[in-house]
C-alpha atoms as a PDB file:
ATOM      1  CA  MET A   1      65.179  67.774 -19.585  1.00  0.00           C
ATOM      2  CA  ILE A   2      65.693  64.145 -20.713  1.00  0.00           C
ATOM      3  CA  VAL A   3      67.621  63.448 -23.885  1.00  0.00           C
ATOM      4  CA  ILE A   4      66.934  60.178 -25.603  1.00  0.00           C
ATOM      5  CA  ALA A   5      68.822  59.102 -28.846  1.00  0.00           C
ATOM      6  CA  LEU A   6      67.261  56.346 -30.921  1.00  0.00           C
ATOM      7  CA  TYR A   7      70.293  54.649 -32.440  1.00  0.00           C
ATOM      8  CA  ASN A   8      71.589  51.512 -33.878  1.00  0.00           C
ATOM      9  CA  LEU A   9      74.772  50.642 -35.660  1.00  0.00           C
ATOM     10  CA  LYS A  10      72.894  49.360 -38.589  1.00  0.00           C
ATOM     11  CA  GLY A  11      69.719  50.652 -40.354  1.00  0.00           C
ATOM     12  CA  GLY A  12      66.478  48.804 -40.987  1.00  0.00           C
ATOM     13  CA  VAL A  13      65.758  48.013 -37.562  1.00  0.00           C
ATOM     14  CA  GLY A  14      62.771  50.043 -36.705  1.00  0.00           C
ATOM     15  CA  LYS A  15      64.666  53.022 -35.175  1.00  0.00           C
ATOM     16  CA  THR A  16      62.979  55.792 -36.908  1.00  0.00           C
ATOM     17  CA  ALA A  17      59.447  54.450 -36.497  1.00  0.00           C
ATOM     18  CA  SER A  18      59.987  53.956 -32.745  1.00  0.00           C
ATOM     19  CA  CYS A  19      61.486  57.488 -32.665  1.00  0.00           C
ATOM     20  CA  VAL A  20      58.220  58.928 -34.359  1.00  0.00           C
ATOM     21  CA  ASN A  21      56.001  56.960 -31.848  1.00  0.00           C
ATOM     22  CA  PHE A  22      57.860  57.574 -28.678  1.00  0.00           C
ATOM     23  CA  SER A  23      58.073  61.498 -29.289  1.00  0.00           C
ATOM     24  CA  TYR A  24      54.252  61.363 -30.280  1.00  0.00           C
ATOM     25  CA  LEU A  25      53.467  59.460 -27.188  1.00  0.00           C
ATOM     26  CA  SER A  26      55.587  61.748 -25.001  1.00  0.00           C
ATOM     27  CA  ALA A  27      53.795  64.847 -26.311  1.00  0.00           C
ATOM     28  CA  LYS A  28      50.319  63.260 -26.059  1.00  0.00           C
ATOM     29  CA  GLU A  29      50.963  62.634 -22.283  1.00  0.00           C
ATOM     30  CA  GLY A  30      51.487  66.527 -22.023  1.00  0.00           C
ATOM     31  CA  TYR A  31      55.231  66.571 -22.041  1.00  0.00           C
ATOM     32  CA  LYS A  32      56.982  69.320 -24.200  1.00  0.00           C
ATOM     33  CA  THR A  33      58.674  67.505 -26.526  1.00  0.00           C
ATOM     34  CA  LEU A  34      61.351  68.232 -29.331  1.00  0.00           C
ATOM     35  CA  LEU A  35      62.424  65.804 -31.905  1.00  0.00           C
ATOM     36  CA  TRP A  36      65.710  66.525 -33.828  1.00  0.00           C
ATOM     37  CA  ASP A  37      66.095  64.526 -36.988  1.00  0.00           C
ATOM     38  CA  ILE A  38      69.819  64.106 -37.469  1.00  0.00           C
ATOM     39  CA  ASP A  39      69.594  61.270 -39.909  1.00  0.00           C
ATOM     40  CA  PRO A  40      70.363  62.702 -43.486  1.00  0.00           C
ATOM     41  CA  GLN A  41      67.613  60.209 -44.935  1.00  0.00           C
ATOM     42  CA  GLY A  42      65.147  62.402 -43.174  1.00  0.00           C
ATOM     43  CA  ALA A  43      62.638  59.574 -42.528  1.00  0.00           C
ATOM     44  CA  THR A  44      61.378  60.954 -39.400  1.00  0.00           C
ATOM     45  CA  SER A  45      60.836  64.394 -40.924  1.00  0.00           C
ATOM     46  CA  PHE A  46      58.902  62.660 -43.803  1.00  0.00           C
ATOM     47  CA  TYR A  47      56.595  61.046 -41.256  1.00  0.00           C
ATOM     48  CA  PHE A  48      55.732  64.443 -39.697  1.00  0.00           C
ATOM     49  CA  LYS A  49      55.378  66.245 -43.232  1.00  0.00           C
ATOM     50  CA  ALA A  50      58.211  68.660 -42.009  1.00  0.00           C
ATOM     51  CA  LYS A  51      60.718  70.555 -44.210  1.00  0.00           C
ATOM     52  CA  PRO A  52      63.185  73.104 -42.960  1.00  0.00           C
ATOM     53  CA  LYS A  53      61.409  76.406 -42.958  1.00  0.00           C
ATOM     54  CA  VAL A  54      64.901  78.230 -43.288  1.00  0.00           C
ATOM     55  CA  HIS A  55      68.198  76.760 -44.248  1.00  0.00           C
ATOM     56  CA  LEU A  56      70.511  77.868 -41.636  1.00  0.00           C
ATOM     57  CA  GLY A  57      73.402  75.542 -42.478  1.00  0.00           C
ATOM     58  CA  ILE A  58      74.717  72.901 -40.531  1.00  0.00           C
ATOM     59  CA  LYS A  59      77.669  75.134 -39.269  1.00  0.00           C
ATOM     60  CA  LYS A  60      75.203  77.544 -37.715  1.00  0.00           C
ATOM     61  CA  LEU A  61      73.160  74.686 -36.011  1.00  0.00           C
ATOM     62  CA  ILE A  62      76.128  73.286 -34.135  1.00  0.00           C
ATOM     63  CA  SER A  63      78.237  76.298 -33.566  1.00  0.00           C
ATOM     64  CA  LYS A  64      79.305  77.307 -30.185  1.00  0.00           C
ATOM     65  CA  ASP A  65      76.668  80.134 -30.119  1.00  0.00           C
ATOM     66  CA  ALA A  66      74.150  78.149 -32.088  1.00  0.00           C
ATOM     67  CA  ASN A  67      70.481  79.421 -31.718  1.00  0.00           C
ATOM     68  CA  LEU A  68      68.207  76.586 -32.901  1.00  0.00           C
ATOM     69  CA  ASP A  69      64.917  78.450 -32.502  1.00  0.00           C
ATOM     70  CA  ALA A  70      64.856  79.511 -36.140  1.00  0.00           C
ATOM     71  CA  ALA A  71      65.092  75.745 -37.117  1.00  0.00           C
ATOM     72  CA  ILE A  72      62.466  74.412 -34.811  1.00  0.00           C
ATOM     73  CA  MET A  73      59.054  73.844 -36.479  1.00  0.00           C
ATOM     74  CA  ASP A  74      55.712  72.948 -35.010  1.00  0.00           C
ATOM     75  CA  THR A  75      53.973  69.677 -35.922  1.00  0.00           C
ATOM     76  CA  SER A  76      50.498  68.851 -36.239  1.00  0.00           C
ATOM     77  CA  TYR A  77      50.413  67.609 -32.602  1.00  0.00           C
ATOM     78  CA  GLU A  78      50.338  69.708 -29.462  1.00  0.00           C
ATOM     79  CA  HIS A  79      53.484  69.725 -27.471  1.00  0.00           C
ATOM     80  CA  LEU A  80      55.624  68.135 -30.251  1.00  0.00           C
ATOM     81  CA  ASP A  81      58.275  70.472 -32.117  1.00  0.00           C
ATOM     82  CA  ILE A  82      60.691  69.221 -34.650  1.00  0.00           C
ATOM     83  CA  ILE A  83      64.156  70.312 -36.201  1.00  0.00           C
ATOM     84  CA  PRO A  84      63.689  68.609 -39.647  1.00  0.00           C
ATOM     85  CA  ALA A  85      66.605  66.870 -41.360  1.00  0.00           C
ATOM     86  CA  ASP A  86      68.956  68.550 -43.831  1.00  0.00           C
ATOM     87  CA  ASN A  87      68.810  65.959 -46.573  1.00  0.00           C
ATOM     88  CA  SER A  88      72.046  67.209 -48.071  1.00  0.00           C
ATOM     89  CA  ALA A  89      74.955  64.664 -47.675  1.00  0.00           C
ATOM     90  CA  LYS A  90      77.324  67.473 -48.019  1.00  0.00           C
ATOM     91  CA  SER A  91      75.932  69.173 -44.848  1.00  0.00           C
ATOM     92  CA  PHE A  92      75.873  65.764 -43.095  1.00  0.00           C
ATOM     93  CA  ASP A  93      79.611  65.475 -43.936  1.00  0.00           C
ATOM     94  CA  ILE A  94      80.211  68.936 -42.775  1.00  0.00           C
ATOM     95  CA  MET A  95      78.509  68.161 -39.379  1.00  0.00           C
ATOM     96  CA  ILE A  96      80.798  65.163 -38.799  1.00  0.00           C
ATOM     97  CA  ASP A  97      83.890  67.192 -39.840  1.00  0.00           C
ATOM     98  CA  GLU A  98      82.938  70.056 -37.525  1.00  0.00           C
ATOM     99  CA  MET A  99      82.701  67.388 -34.605  1.00  0.00           C
ATOM    100  CA  ARG A 100      85.910  65.505 -35.094  1.00  0.00           C
ATOM    101  CA  GLY A 101      88.061  65.577 -32.115  1.00  0.00           C
ATOM    102  CA  LYS A 102      85.258  67.196 -30.079  1.00  0.00           C
ATOM    103  CA  LYS A 103      82.650  65.123 -28.203  1.00  0.00           C
ATOM    104  CA  ASN A 104      80.496  67.683 -26.331  1.00  0.00           C
ATOM    105  CA  VAL A 105      79.387  69.962 -29.324  1.00  0.00           C
ATOM    106  CA  LEU A 106      75.938  68.604 -29.180  1.00  0.00           C
ATOM    107  CA  LYS A 107      75.833  68.673 -25.506  1.00  0.00           C
ATOM    108  CA  ASN A 108      76.572  72.257 -25.415  1.00  0.00           C
ATOM    109  CA  VAL A 109      74.078  73.154 -28.026  1.00  0.00           C
ATOM    110  CA  LEU A 110      71.178  71.384 -26.426  1.00  0.00           C
ATOM    111  CA  LYS A 111      71.846  73.097 -23.007  1.00  0.00           C
ATOM    112  CA  GLN A 112      69.824  76.035 -24.398  1.00  0.00           C
ATOM    113  CA  PHE A 113      66.506  73.928 -24.294  1.00  0.00           C
ATOM    114  CA  GLU A 114      66.976  73.353 -20.484  1.00  0.00           C
ATOM    115  CA  GLY A 115      63.631  74.202 -18.831  1.00  0.00           C
ATOM    116  CA  GLU A 116      61.815  74.674 -22.125  1.00  0.00           C
ATOM    117  CA  TYR A 117      61.436  71.069 -23.031  1.00  0.00           C
ATOM    118  CA  ASP A 118      60.819  67.987 -20.905  1.00  0.00           C
ATOM    119  CA  PHE A 119      61.993  65.355 -23.588  1.00  0.00           C
ATOM    120  CA  VAL A 120      64.354  65.787 -26.534  1.00  0.00           C
ATOM    121  CA  PHE A 121      64.460  62.898 -28.955  1.00  0.00           C
ATOM    122  CA  ILE A 122      67.367  62.461 -31.516  1.00  0.00           C
ATOM    123  CA  ASP A 123      66.744  60.222 -34.622  1.00  0.00           C
ATOM    124  CA  CYS A 124      70.340  59.276 -35.288  1.00  0.00           C
ATOM    125  CA  PRO A 125      72.223  57.985 -38.516  1.00  0.00           C
ATOM    126  CA  PRO A 126      73.676  54.490 -38.306  1.00  0.00           C
ATOM    127  CA  GLY A 127      77.413  53.788 -37.901  1.00  0.00           C
ATOM    128  CA  PHE A 128      80.198  55.047 -35.646  1.00  0.00           C
ATOM    129  CA  SER A 129      81.554  58.388 -35.945  1.00  0.00           C
ATOM    130  CA  ALA A 130      82.359  61.670 -34.480  1.00  0.00           C
ATOM    131  CA  LEU A 131      78.738  62.615 -34.731  1.00  0.00           C
ATOM    132  CA  SER A 132      77.653  59.337 -32.907  1.00  0.00           C
ATOM    133  CA  GLU A 133      80.197  59.969 -30.141  1.00  0.00           C
ATOM    134  CA  ASN A 134      78.703  63.537 -29.711  1.00  0.00           C
ATOM    135  CA  ILE A 135      75.113  62.065 -29.560  1.00  0.00           C
ATOM    136  CA  PHE A 136      76.245  59.563 -26.870  1.00  0.00           C
ATOM    137  CA  SER A 137      77.857  62.363 -24.833  1.00  0.00           C
ATOM    138  CA  ALA A 138      74.691  64.584 -25.120  1.00  0.00           C
ATOM    139  CA  SER A 139      72.093  61.837 -24.275  1.00  0.00           C
ATOM    140  CA  ASP A 140      70.873  60.702 -21.081  1.00  0.00           C
ATOM    141  CA  ILE A 141      69.411  57.492 -22.834  1.00  0.00           C
ATOM    142  CA  VAL A 142      70.736  55.771 -25.819  1.00  0.00           C
ATOM    143  CA  LEU A 143      67.772  53.853 -26.805  1.00  0.00           C
ATOM    144  CA  MET A 144      68.700  50.900 -29.069  1.00  0.00           C
ATOM    145  CA  PRO A 145      66.162  48.863 -31.063  1.00  0.00           C
ATOM    146  CA  VAL A 146      67.264  45.329 -31.508  1.00  0.00           C
ATOM    147  CA  ILE A 147      65.786  42.624 -33.871  1.00  0.00           C
ATOM    148  CA  PRO A 148      66.222  39.038 -32.308  1.00  0.00           C
ATOM    149  CA  THR A 149      68.442  37.778 -34.896  1.00  0.00           C
ATOM    150  CA  THR A 150      72.047  36.597 -34.834  1.00  0.00           C
ATOM    151  CA  LEU A 151      73.325  39.449 -36.652  1.00  0.00           C
ATOM    152  CA  SER A 152      71.514  42.067 -34.751  1.00  0.00           C
ATOM    153  CA  VAL A 153      72.953  40.454 -31.575  1.00  0.00           C
ATOM    154  CA  ARG A 154      76.623  40.896 -32.980  1.00  0.00           C
ATOM    155  CA  THR A 155      75.709  44.573 -33.568  1.00  0.00           C
ATOM    156  CA  TYR A 156      74.536  44.952 -29.970  1.00  0.00           C
ATOM    157  CA  ASN A 157      77.841  43.607 -28.833  1.00  0.00           C
ATOM    158  CA  MET A 158      79.867  45.769 -31.153  1.00  0.00           C
ATOM    159  CA  VAL A 159      78.035  48.882 -29.632  1.00  0.00           C
ATOM    160  CA  LYS A 160      78.678  47.706 -26.093  1.00  0.00           C
ATOM    161  CA  ASP A 161      82.363  47.330 -27.112  1.00  0.00           C
ATOM    162  CA  TYR A 162      82.543  50.784 -28.443  1.00  0.00           C
ATOM    163  CA  PHE A 163      81.099  52.216 -25.210  1.00  0.00           C
ATOM    164  CA  LYS A 164      83.714  50.523 -23.245  1.00  0.00           C
ATOM    165  CA  GLU A 165      86.506  51.592 -25.602  1.00  0.00           C
ATOM    166  CA  LYS A 166      85.287  55.281 -25.592  1.00  0.00           C
ATOM    167  CA  ASP A 167      84.797  55.200 -21.810  1.00  0.00           C
ATOM    168  CA  ILE A 168      80.857  55.957 -22.289  1.00  0.00           C
ATOM    169  CA  ASP A 169      78.653  55.495 -19.288  1.00  0.00           C
ATOM    170  CA  MET A 170      77.122  52.045 -20.072  1.00  0.00           C
ATOM    171  CA  ALA A 171      74.167  52.888 -17.996  1.00  0.00           C
ATOM    172  CA  LYS A 172      73.091  55.027 -20.886  1.00  0.00           C
ATOM    173  CA  LEU A 173      72.539  52.145 -23.129  1.00  0.00           C
ATOM    174  CA  MET A 174      69.004  50.765 -23.017  1.00  0.00           C
ATOM    175  CA  CYS A 175      67.645  48.288 -25.592  1.00  0.00           C
ATOM    176  CA  PHE A 176      64.262  46.895 -26.596  1.00  0.00           C
ATOM    177  CA  PHE A 177      63.307  44.163 -29.259  1.00  0.00           C
ATOM    178  CA  THR A 178      61.681  45.217 -32.514  1.00  0.00           C
ATOM    179  CA  MET A 179      60.354  43.664 -35.457  1.00  0.00           C
ATOM    180  CA  THR A 180      59.870  40.556 -33.397  1.00  0.00           C
ATOM    181  CA  ASP A 181      58.100  37.340 -34.511  1.00  0.00           C
ATOM    182  CA  LEU A 182      57.384  34.930 -31.615  1.00  0.00           C
ATOM    183  CA  ARG A 183      56.347  32.348 -34.122  1.00  0.00           C
ATOM    184  CA  LYS A 184      60.160  31.897 -34.829  1.00  0.00           C
ATOM    185  CA  ASN A 185      62.081  29.806 -32.239  1.00  0.00           C
ATOM    186  CA  MET A 186      65.260  31.682 -32.915  1.00  0.00           C
ATOM    187  CA  HIS A 187      63.290  34.916 -31.824  1.00  0.00           C
ATOM    188  CA  ASN A 188      62.124  33.453 -28.724  1.00  0.00           C
ATOM    189  CA  GLU A 189      65.575  31.980 -27.856  1.00  0.00           C
ATOM    190  CA  ILE A 190      67.597  35.171 -28.557  1.00  0.00           C
ATOM    191  CA  MET A 191      65.018  37.141 -26.469  1.00  0.00           C
ATOM    192  CA  GLU A 192      65.174  34.781 -23.572  1.00  0.00           C
ATOM    193  CA  HIS A 193      68.988  34.940 -23.700  1.00  0.00           C
ATOM    194  CA  LEU A 194      69.440  38.915 -23.877  1.00  0.00           C
ATOM    195  CA  LEU A 195      66.733  39.545 -21.387  1.00  0.00           C
ATOM    196  CA  LYS A 196      69.063  38.093 -18.741  1.00  0.00           C
ATOM    197  CA  ASP A 197      71.218  41.114 -19.640  1.00  0.00           C
ATOM    198  CA  LYS A 198      69.058  43.722 -17.578  1.00  0.00           C
ATOM    199  CA  ARG A 199      69.731  46.449 -20.313  1.00  0.00           C
ATOM    200  CA  PHE A 200      66.465  45.271 -22.317  1.00  0.00           C
ATOM    201  CA  PHE A 201      63.051  46.332 -21.736  1.00  0.00           C
ATOM    202  CA  SER A 202      60.665  43.415 -21.246  1.00  0.00           C
ATOM    203  CA  ASN A 203      57.987  44.840 -23.741  1.00  0.00           C
ATOM    204  CA  TYR A 204      58.711  44.732 -27.271  1.00  0.00           C
ATOM    205  CA  ILE A 205      57.476  45.836 -30.671  1.00  0.00           C
ATOM    206  CA  PRO A 206      56.284  42.970 -32.869  1.00  0.00           C
ATOM    207  CA  TYR A 207      56.583  42.567 -36.551  1.00  0.00           C
ATOM    208  CA  LEU A 208      53.259  44.107 -37.799  1.00  0.00           C
ATOM    209  CA  SER A 209      52.013  45.775 -40.884  1.00  0.00           C
ATOM    210  CA  ASP A 210      50.505  48.918 -39.125  1.00  0.00           C
ATOM    211  CA  VAL A 211      54.175  49.933 -38.486  1.00  0.00           C
ATOM    212  CA  GLU A 212      55.113  49.749 -42.376  1.00  0.00           C
ATOM    213  CA  LYS A 213      51.835  51.711 -42.900  1.00  0.00           C
ATOM    214  CA  MET A 214      53.146  54.798 -41.178  1.00  0.00           C
ATOM    215  CA  GLY A 215      54.900  55.648 -44.279  1.00  0.00           C
ATOM    216  CA  ILE A 216      51.482  55.699 -46.198  1.00  0.00           C
ATOM    217  CA  HIS A 217      49.603  57.668 -43.575  1.00  0.00           C
ATOM    218  CA  LYS A 218      52.667  59.895 -42.714  1.00  0.00           C
ATOM    219  CA  GLN A 219      51.466  59.535 -39.002  1.00  0.00           C
ATOM    220  CA  PRO A 220      52.374  57.779 -35.849  1.00  0.00           C
ATOM    221  CA  VAL A 221      50.585  54.472 -35.544  1.00  0.00           C
ATOM    222  CA  GLU A 222      48.467  55.673 -32.806  1.00  0.00           C
ATOM    223  CA  GLU A 223      46.866  58.230 -35.104  1.00  0.00           C
ATOM    224  CA  PHE A 224      45.399  55.738 -37.606  1.00  0.00           C
ATOM    225  CA  ALA A 225      45.374  52.349 -35.908  1.00  0.00           C
ATOM    226  CA  ARG A 226      44.886  53.164 -32.103  1.00  0.00           C
ATOM    227  CA  SER A 227      43.181  49.859 -31.288  1.00  0.00           C
ATOM    228  CA  GLY A 228      45.840  47.750 -33.013  1.00  0.00           C
ATOM    229  CA  ASP A 229      48.507  45.626 -31.524  1.00  0.00           C
ATOM    230  CA  ALA A 230      51.419  47.818 -32.888  1.00  0.00           C
ATOM    231  CA  ALA A 231      49.740  51.079 -31.043  1.00  0.00           C
ATOM    232  CA  LYS A 232      49.323  48.999 -28.047  1.00  0.00           C
ATOM    233  CA  SER A 233      52.993  47.647 -28.123  1.00  0.00           C
ATOM    234  CA  TYR A 234      54.342  51.303 -28.403  1.00  0.00           C
ATOM    235  CA  ARG A 235      52.173  52.465 -25.447  1.00  0.00           C
ATOM    236  CA  ASP A 236      53.057  49.572 -23.240  1.00  0.00           C
ATOM    237  CA  LEU A 237      56.906  49.934 -24.073  1.00  0.00           C
ATOM    238  CA  TRP A 238      56.786  53.766 -23.838  1.00  0.00           C
ATOM    239  CA  THR A 239      55.035  53.221 -20.243  1.00  0.00           C
ATOM    240  CA  GLU A 240      57.851  50.880 -19.206  1.00  0.00           C
ATOM    241  CA  ILE A 241      60.532  53.522 -20.367  1.00  0.00           C
ATOM    242  CA  THR A 242      59.022  56.290 -18.553  1.00  0.00           C
ATOM    243  CA  GLU A 243      58.487  54.443 -15.504  1.00  0.00           C
ATOM    244  CA  GLY A 244      62.221  53.431 -15.515  1.00  0.00           C
ATOM    245  CA  VAL A 245      63.403  56.998 -16.273  1.00  0.00           C
ATOM    246  CA  LEU A 246      61.051  59.113 -14.296  1.00  0.00           C
ATOM    247  CA  GLU A 247      61.026  56.918 -11.200  1.00  0.00           C
END
């Protein structure tokens, strides 16, 4: 079982859209896939039209003896299950509180899925917290979308510094460019510079309207615009990721 967290310190970078599309592509390839929407905004759950079927409460989901089976829902897609977000800010605060001073809570909870799922994707909230540290500990890959702009590069460096400060395995941190516009010199220059850091995949996600239209269709981009550039970009990037992970 491979746990992949889609994470960035800041929002608005295409994190959720990427999580939705990668989990969909994983399931489409026949991998048993679970998507856990931990971001309290619940955008991933919105794309999959998923609402919690039972309200177990955050404490029950992350307790030592947590059984997540009751929280897991089917999606419209074969091989793809989801744990929808709890949209309550109060519940989110409780989750962070429960993890304060502990960094392996999520890791221990996810162990119950060994042998049941091939991939587990986590849609993470932005920011540094006890929750993010738990997510980094539980994940095999922390997959970070980066817009090729000056502020995003600064954020990327802050995440690297956090990994070093907390003694988190830097090999987990893998990145890709998103919302890219090659007509802009700055985007080209920053991509060229950061690709020297072997942490970045060569395939990238361009800035395209089909990605924005996911919210209208409430579907992964492959479902409504399979022949478009956005769908092809996600397919190519997912292939590159799996080749690196499964080799």
